Protein backbone atom coordinates (compact mmCIF):
# COMPACT_ATOMS: atom_id res chain seq x y z
CA MET A 1 14.91 14.11 9.99
CA ASN A 2 11.62 15.18 10.88
CA LEU A 3 8.87 14.81 8.48
CA ILE A 4 6.66 17.56 7.48
CA ASN A 5 2.86 17.63 8.79
CA THR A 6 0.76 19.13 5.96
CA PHE A 7 1.93 20.34 2.33
CA SER A 8 -0.83 23.28 2.71
CA LYS A 9 -1.88 24.29 5.89
CA GLN A 10 -4.94 26.34 4.48
CA VAL A 11 -7.21 23.16 3.56
CA LEU A 12 -7.94 19.85 4.94
CA GLU A 13 -5.52 17.67 3.55
CA CYS A 14 -5.17 13.76 3.09
CA GLY A 15 -1.83 11.62 2.38
CA THR A 16 -2.16 8.42 0.23
CA ASP A 17 0.26 5.28 -0.53
CA GLU A 18 0.22 2.04 -1.61
CA ALA A 19 2.00 -1.36 -0.62
CA GLY A 20 2.44 -4.31 -2.56
CA ARG A 21 2.72 -3.20 -6.25
CA GLY A 22 5.91 -5.16 -6.93
CA CYS A 23 4.45 -8.59 -5.42
CA LEU A 24 3.75 -11.59 -7.75
CA ALA A 25 0.82 -12.55 -5.28
CA GLY A 26 -2.00 -11.06 -3.24
CA PRO A 27 -3.66 -7.37 -3.22
CA VAL A 28 -2.24 -4.00 -3.94
CA THR A 29 -3.32 -2.27 -0.66
CA ALA A 30 -3.69 1.63 -0.35
CA ALA A 31 -4.47 3.66 2.53
CA ALA A 32 -5.53 7.31 2.83
CA VAL A 33 -5.17 9.34 6.00
CA ILE A 34 -5.97 12.79 7.39
CA LEU A 35 -3.85 13.84 10.53
CA ASP A 36 -4.58 16.80 12.58
CA PRO A 37 -1.89 19.61 11.57
CA LYS A 38 -0.62 19.43 15.65
CA PHE A 39 0.06 15.44 15.10
CA GLU A 40 3.87 14.63 16.01
CA ASN A 41 5.56 11.44 15.80
CA ILE A 42 9.44 10.99 15.94
CA ILE A 43 9.35 7.15 14.63
CA LEU A 44 6.82 7.60 11.84
CA ASN A 45 8.38 7.34 8.43
CA ASP A 46 8.13 5.79 5.24
CA SER A 47 7.28 2.25 5.88
CA LYS A 48 9.98 0.85 4.05
CA GLN A 49 12.54 2.31 6.27
CA LEU A 50 10.77 0.92 9.19
CA SER A 51 11.17 -2.49 11.12
CA GLU A 52 8.22 -4.76 10.96
CA LYS A 53 7.75 -4.20 14.73
CA LYS A 54 7.90 -0.33 14.43
CA ARG A 55 5.17 -0.47 11.65
CA PHE A 56 2.80 -2.36 14.22
CA LEU A 57 3.74 -0.34 16.97
CA LEU A 58 2.73 2.65 14.73
CA LYS A 59 -0.27 1.09 13.18
CA PRO A 60 -3.00 1.56 16.34
CA MET A 61 -1.12 5.21 17.29
CA ILE A 62 -2.03 6.22 13.67
CA GLU A 63 -5.75 4.98 13.82
CA LEU A 64 -6.09 6.33 17.31
CA LYS A 65 -4.82 10.09 16.62
CA ALA A 66 -5.95 10.10 12.74
CA ILE A 67 -9.18 12.22 11.97
CA SER A 68 -9.73 9.62 9.44
CA PHE A 69 -8.23 6.84 7.64
CA GLY A 70 -9.19 4.46 5.16
CA VAL A 71 -7.76 1.27 3.63
CA SER A 72 -8.53 -0.65 0.69
CA HIS A 73 -7.17 -4.01 -1.18
CA ILE A 74 -7.69 -4.29 -5.11
CA PHE A 75 -7.09 -8.07 -5.71
CA GLN A 76 -5.41 -10.04 -8.09
CA LYS A 77 -8.06 -10.95 -10.71
CA GLU A 78 -8.79 -7.09 -11.02
CA ILE A 79 -5.37 -6.22 -10.95
CA ASP A 80 -4.66 -8.60 -14.11
CA SER A 81 -7.88 -7.03 -16.12
CA ILE A 82 -6.67 -3.30 -15.55
CA ASN A 83 -3.00 -3.60 -14.86
CA ILE A 84 -1.05 -2.76 -11.46
CA LEU A 85 -0.83 1.07 -12.16
CA ASN A 86 -4.73 1.60 -12.60
CA ALA A 87 -5.27 -0.78 -9.69
CA SER A 88 -2.81 1.04 -7.43
CA ILE A 89 -4.48 4.57 -8.17
CA LYS A 90 -8.00 2.68 -7.79
CA ALA A 91 -7.23 1.74 -4.45
CA MET A 92 -5.80 4.89 -3.23
CA GLN A 93 -9.34 6.48 -4.46
CA LEU A 94 -11.38 3.90 -2.81
CA SER A 95 -9.34 4.53 0.71
CA ILE A 96 -9.99 8.55 -0.08
CA GLU A 97 -13.64 7.46 -0.65
CA GLN A 98 -13.78 6.29 3.08
CA LEU A 99 -12.66 9.52 4.53
CA LYS A 100 -14.92 11.28 6.93
CA PRO A 101 -14.88 14.50 6.35
CA GLU A 102 -13.63 14.73 2.71
CA PRO A 103 -10.47 16.09 2.20
CA GLU A 104 -10.17 19.43 0.33
CA PHE A 105 -6.72 18.31 -1.03
CA ILE A 106 -5.01 15.27 -1.48
CA ILE A 107 -1.12 14.30 -1.60
CA VAL A 108 -0.14 11.44 -3.53
CA ASP A 109 3.00 9.26 -3.23
CA GLY A 110 5.17 8.82 -6.34
CA ASN A 111 4.34 10.64 -9.68
CA ARG A 112 0.93 9.09 -11.04
CA PHE A 113 -2.75 9.52 -10.10
CA LYS A 114 -6.01 10.40 -11.63
CA PRO A 115 -8.44 13.39 -10.50
CA TYR A 116 -10.40 12.31 -7.72
CA LYS A 117 -14.03 14.14 -7.79
CA ASP A 118 -12.99 17.77 -8.04
CA ILE A 119 -10.32 17.73 -5.44
CA PRO A 120 -7.01 19.20 -6.16
CA TYR A 121 -4.30 16.71 -5.64
CA LYS A 122 -0.30 16.83 -5.90
CA THR A 123 1.89 13.83 -6.60
CA ILE A 124 4.89 13.88 -4.78
CA ILE A 125 7.99 11.60 -5.37
CA LYS A 126 9.36 9.73 -2.30
CA GLY A 127 6.66 11.63 -0.54
CA ASP A 128 6.37 9.11 2.19
CA SER A 129 9.65 10.30 3.35
CA LYS A 130 8.73 13.98 3.49
CA TYR A 131 4.99 14.39 4.63
CA LEU A 132 3.72 12.62 7.59
CA SER A 133 0.27 11.80 6.30
CA ILE A 134 1.82 10.29 3.40
CA ALA A 135 4.00 8.06 5.77
CA ALA A 136 1.21 7.18 7.81
CA ALA A 137 -0.86 5.94 4.87
CA SER A 138 2.26 3.89 3.85
CA VAL A 139 2.50 2.35 7.15
CA LEU A 140 -1.28 1.27 7.14
CA ALA A 141 -1.10 0.06 3.58
CA LYS A 142 1.84 -2.00 4.25
CA THR A 143 0.71 -3.55 7.75
CA TYR A 144 -2.97 -4.25 6.75
CA ARG A 145 -1.47 -5.91 3.32
CA ASP A 146 0.98 -8.14 5.47
CA LEU A 147 -1.62 -9.18 7.71
CA TYR A 148 -3.97 -10.08 4.55
CA MET A 149 -0.68 -12.20 3.34
CA GLU A 150 -0.07 -13.88 6.57
CA LYS A 151 -3.97 -15.03 6.73
CA ILE A 152 -3.42 -16.71 3.04
CA HIS A 153 0.07 -18.35 4.02
CA GLU A 154 -2.22 -20.54 5.90
CA GLU A 155 -3.95 -21.90 3.13
CA PHE A 156 -0.81 -22.38 0.77
CA PRO A 157 2.29 -22.29 3.17
CA MET A 158 4.68 -23.44 0.81
CA TYR A 159 5.06 -19.98 -0.63
CA ASN A 160 6.09 -18.50 2.60
CA TRP A 161 3.97 -15.38 2.28
CA LYS A 162 4.27 -14.80 6.17
CA LYS A 163 7.83 -13.91 5.10
CA ASN A 164 8.06 -12.76 1.87
CA LYS A 165 4.63 -11.39 1.62
CA GLY A 166 4.37 -12.25 -2.11
CA TYR A 167 7.32 -10.38 -3.39
CA PRO A 168 9.84 -12.14 -6.10
CA THR A 169 11.92 -13.59 -3.76
CA LYS A 170 14.29 -16.30 -4.71
CA GLU A 171 12.38 -18.65 -2.32
CA HIS A 172 9.04 -17.42 -3.69
CA ARG A 173 9.81 -17.96 -7.21
CA ALA A 174 11.53 -21.23 -6.38
CA ALA A 175 7.85 -22.36 -4.82
CA ILE A 176 6.25 -21.33 -7.94
CA LYS A 177 8.34 -23.45 -10.34
CA LYS A 178 7.82 -26.25 -8.00
CA TYR A 179 4.14 -26.20 -7.22
CA GLY A 180 2.96 -23.81 -9.72
CA ILE A 181 0.51 -20.89 -9.26
CA THR A 182 -2.63 -20.55 -6.82
CA LYS A 183 -5.76 -18.45 -7.23
CA TYR A 184 -3.76 -15.63 -5.05
CA HIS A 185 -1.08 -15.11 -7.88
CA ARG A 186 -1.01 -12.38 -10.64
CA LYS A 187 -1.36 -13.80 -13.86
CA SER A 188 -0.28 -10.64 -15.79
CA PHE A 189 3.00 -10.45 -13.84
CA ARG A 190 6.58 -12.30 -15.09
CA LEU A 191 6.11 -14.96 -12.10
CA LEU A 192 9.02 -16.79 -13.36
CA PRO A 193 12.25 -15.87 -15.68
CA GLU A 194 11.48 -18.80 -17.80
CA GLN A 195 7.82 -17.24 -18.10
CA TYR A 196 7.06 -19.90 -21.25
CA GLN A 197 7.49 -22.60 -19.06
CA LEU A 198 4.81 -21.73 -16.70
CA ASP A 199 1.14 -23.36 -17.46
CA LEU A 200 -1.14 -20.47 -16.89
C-alpha cells in the first residue's frame, strides 16, 4: 500500500516523528521533514516495518530529496528531568525549528503534541504508516539514533547497544543487573523488574 504524500496540499507541510521513547538508555531522537509534493518512493514506510538495511538505504535518499529536514536528540538527563513525553515533543519541536523554509502545517505521528509557534498541527495515530513525510521523519529519527547508540556502544560494549539500541531486551537488563548503570541510562525508567535492588 502506497503512503499518502501530504495531509494538506494547499500549504507547506512537515511531518515529524521520534525514535527511542521506550529505551532504557540513550536519547530520544526526533526528525522533521518537508517533502516535495511530487516526492514518491515505493520502499518508504514506517521505520519499524523496514529492515535496518532499507532504513540506511533510505536515509541519504530522504536527505537528498527533501526540501528540508532536521534531527534532534534529547539526552537521558533531560528525559529524567522533564519526562519522556515532554522530551519527545521537545525533540520534535527542535527538529521543526531547523527547517528552512518554515512549515505552514505540521503533521505529527501519535496523539500528543504541544503548539509550536502559531503553526497549526494535526496528530495522527500510526501516521508513520500513512503519510510519506512522517515515514521519512521516522526513518531519519531511527537511523540517527541507531548511529549514536552504536557510537556509545564502543564505550560500554557489555550492554550490546549496537544490537539492542538501548531497548529493554533480556540481554540489556541482564547486563544492567550484572554491571549496574552508566551515565547513558535513564534513571527515571524502570531499568529492572526488581528496581528496588538497583542502587541509583
